[in-house]
Amino acid sequence: MYLNKEIKKKIFKKHGKSEIDTGSTEGQIALFSHRIDHLSNHLKNNQKDFNTERSLVKLVGKRRQLLDYLKTKDIERYRSIISELSLRK
């Protein structure tokens, strides 16, 4: 599988507060970004996979909600996660 425990720990350690803090907003945004990249690459090869396309749209929406939440709570943390993950609005 593309997303195992070690990869998750590495993502949360780099972007979250710690390895075991899976609830931090930055960690969740980074995890969603990793999953979005994986699904985007899958859809490049399989254009007619509509279930994956729907899942991708839902993940993008969840990430957008978390980014909007972070923007209202703490603009500096929002700016740092945007620059780390090279996202754009």
C-alpha atoms as a PDB file:
ATOM      1  CA  MET A   1       0.000   0.000   0.000  1.00  0.00           C
ATOM      2  CA  TYR A   2       1.200   3.505  -0.723  1.00  0.00           C
ATOM      3  CA  LEU A   3       0.476   4.817   2.772  1.00  0.00           C
ATOM      4  CA  ASN A   4       1.792   2.687   5.626  1.00  0.00           C
ATOM      5  CA  LYS A   5       2.596   3.468   9.269  1.00  0.00           C
ATOM      6  CA  GLU A   6       6.156   4.588   8.595  1.00  0.00           C
ATOM      7  CA  ILE A   7       5.121   7.075   5.925  1.00  0.00           C
ATOM      8  CA  LYS A   8       2.395   8.476   8.182  1.00  0.00           C
ATOM      9  CA  LYS A   9       4.832   8.835  11.087  1.00  0.00           C
ATOM     10  CA  LYS A  10       7.294  10.650   8.841  1.00  0.00           C
ATOM     11  CA  ILE A  11       4.586  13.042   7.590  1.00  0.00           C
ATOM     12  CA  PHE A  12       3.323  13.805  11.104  1.00  0.00           C
ATOM     13  CA  LYS A  13       6.850  14.215  12.457  1.00  0.00           C
ATOM     14  CA  LYS A  14       7.776  16.687   9.730  1.00  0.00           C
ATOM     15  CA  HIS A  15       4.585  18.758   9.631  1.00  0.00           C
ATOM     16  CA  GLY A  16       2.811  18.042  12.912  1.00  0.00           C
ATOM     17  CA  LYS A  17       3.863  18.608  16.474  1.00  0.00           C
ATOM     18  CA  SER A  18       5.126  15.044  16.981  1.00  0.00           C
ATOM     19  CA  GLU A  19       4.921  11.546  15.500  1.00  0.00           C
ATOM     20  CA  ILE A  20       1.920  10.564  17.569  1.00  0.00           C
ATOM     21  CA  ASP A  21      -0.015  13.836  17.284  1.00  0.00           C
ATOM     22  CA  THR A  22      -2.232  12.852  14.359  1.00  0.00           C
ATOM     23  CA  GLY A  23      -4.884  15.431  15.167  1.00  0.00           C
ATOM     24  CA  SER A  24      -2.880  18.550  14.433  1.00  0.00           C
ATOM     25  CA  THR A  25      -4.241  20.599  11.581  1.00  0.00           C
ATOM     26  CA  GLU A  26      -0.889  20.869   9.818  1.00  0.00           C
ATOM     27  CA  GLY A  27      -0.355  17.111   9.987  1.00  0.00           C
ATOM     28  CA  GLN A  28      -3.777  16.377   8.570  1.00  0.00           C
ATOM     29  CA  ILE A  29      -3.267  18.869   5.736  1.00  0.00           C
ATOM     30  CA  ALA A  30       0.081  17.257   4.893  1.00  0.00           C
ATOM     31  CA  LEU A  31      -1.466  13.779   4.948  1.00  0.00           C
ATOM     32  CA  PHE A  32      -4.316  14.881   2.682  1.00  0.00           C
ATOM     33  CA  SER A  33      -1.783  16.469   0.326  1.00  0.00           C
ATOM     34  CA  HIS A  34       0.151  13.205   0.116  1.00  0.00           C
ATOM     35  CA  ARG A  35      -3.026  11.283  -0.643  1.00  0.00           C
ATOM     36  CA  ILE A  36      -4.135  13.871  -3.222  1.00  0.00           C
ATOM     37  CA  ASP A  37      -0.801  13.578  -5.035  1.00  0.00           C
ATOM     38  CA  HIS A  38      -1.115   9.797  -5.121  1.00  0.00           C
ATOM     39  CA  LEU A  39      -4.681   9.882  -6.469  1.00  0.00           C
ATOM     40  CA  SER A  40      -3.779  12.520  -9.056  1.00  0.00           C
ATOM     41  CA  ASN A  41      -1.001  10.316 -10.403  1.00  0.00           C
ATOM     42  CA  HIS A  42      -3.397   7.363 -10.493  1.00  0.00           C
ATOM     43  CA  LEU A  43      -5.948   9.367 -12.472  1.00  0.00           C
ATOM     44  CA  LYS A  44      -3.350  10.359 -15.059  1.00  0.00           C
ATOM     45  CA  ASN A  45      -3.119   6.692 -16.058  1.00  0.00           C
ATOM     46  CA  ASN A  46      -6.776   5.764 -15.459  1.00  0.00           C
ATOM     47  CA  GLN A  47      -8.960   8.572 -16.769  1.00  0.00           C
ATOM     48  CA  LYS A  48     -12.216   6.613 -16.517  1.00  0.00           C
ATOM     49  CA  ASP A  49     -11.884   5.730 -12.835  1.00  0.00           C
ATOM     50  CA  PHE A  50     -14.773   7.855 -11.621  1.00  0.00           C
ATOM     51  CA  ASN A  51     -14.790   6.531  -8.049  1.00  0.00           C
ATOM     52  CA  THR A  52     -11.222   7.677  -7.559  1.00  0.00           C
ATOM     53  CA  GLU A  53     -12.071  11.019  -9.122  1.00  0.00           C
ATOM     54  CA  ARG A  54     -14.920  11.468  -6.658  1.00  0.00           C
ATOM     55  CA  SER A  55     -12.634  10.555  -3.750  1.00  0.00           C
ATOM     56  CA  LEU A  56     -10.073  13.060  -4.984  1.00  0.00           C
ATOM     57  CA  VAL A  57     -12.657  15.844  -5.079  1.00  0.00           C
ATOM     58  CA  LYS A  58     -13.777  15.003  -1.535  1.00  0.00           C
ATOM     59  CA  LEU A  59     -10.177  15.032  -0.258  1.00  0.00           C
ATOM     60  CA  VAL A  60      -9.512  18.397  -1.879  1.00  0.00           C
ATOM     61  CA  GLY A  61     -12.629  19.750  -0.173  1.00  0.00           C
ATOM     62  CA  LYS A  62     -11.538  18.429   3.225  1.00  0.00           C
ATOM     63  CA  ARG A  63      -8.081  19.937   2.810  1.00  0.00           C
ATOM     64  CA  ARG A  64      -9.627  23.260   1.769  1.00  0.00           C
ATOM     65  CA  GLN A  65     -11.818  23.273   4.896  1.00  0.00           C
ATOM     66  CA  LEU A  66      -8.816  22.625   7.129  1.00  0.00           C
ATOM     67  CA  LEU A  67      -6.827  25.364   5.400  1.00  0.00           C
ATOM     68  CA  ASP A  68      -9.708  27.826   5.841  1.00  0.00           C
ATOM     69  CA  TYR A  69      -9.960  26.883   9.534  1.00  0.00           C
ATOM     70  CA  LEU A  70      -6.231  27.374  10.017  1.00  0.00           C
ATOM     71  CA  LYS A  71      -6.378  30.704   8.205  1.00  0.00           C
ATOM     72  CA  THR A  72      -8.990  32.043  10.613  1.00  0.00           C
ATOM     73  CA  LYS A  73      -7.259  30.690  13.722  1.00  0.00           C
ATOM     74  CA  ASP A  74      -3.597  31.469  13.070  1.00  0.00           C
ATOM     75  CA  ILE A  75      -2.466  33.150   9.850  1.00  0.00           C
ATOM     76  CA  GLU A  76       1.238  32.497  10.489  1.00  0.00           C
ATOM     77  CA  ARG A  77       0.742  28.735  10.786  1.00  0.00           C
ATOM     78  CA  TYR A  78      -1.363  28.901   7.610  1.00  0.00           C
ATOM     79  CA  ARG A  79       1.370  30.718   5.709  1.00  0.00           C
ATOM     80  CA  SER A  80       4.044  28.304   6.904  1.00  0.00           C
ATOM     81  CA  ILE A  81       2.106  25.179   5.869  1.00  0.00           C
ATOM     82  CA  ILE A  82       1.303  26.725   2.480  1.00  0.00           C
ATOM     83  CA  SER A  83       4.977  27.424   1.849  1.00  0.00           C
ATOM     84  CA  GLU A  84       6.157  24.009   3.146  1.00  0.00           C
ATOM     85  CA  LEU A  85       3.759  22.055   0.963  1.00  0.00           C
ATOM     86  CA  SER A  86       3.995  24.520  -1.945  1.00  0.00           C
ATOM     87  CA  LEU A  87       0.229  24.905  -2.158  1.00  0.00           C
ATOM     88  CA  ARG A  88      -1.506  27.861  -3.677  1.00  0.00           C
ATOM     89  CA  LYS A  89      -4.945  29.302  -3.257  1.00  0.00           C
END
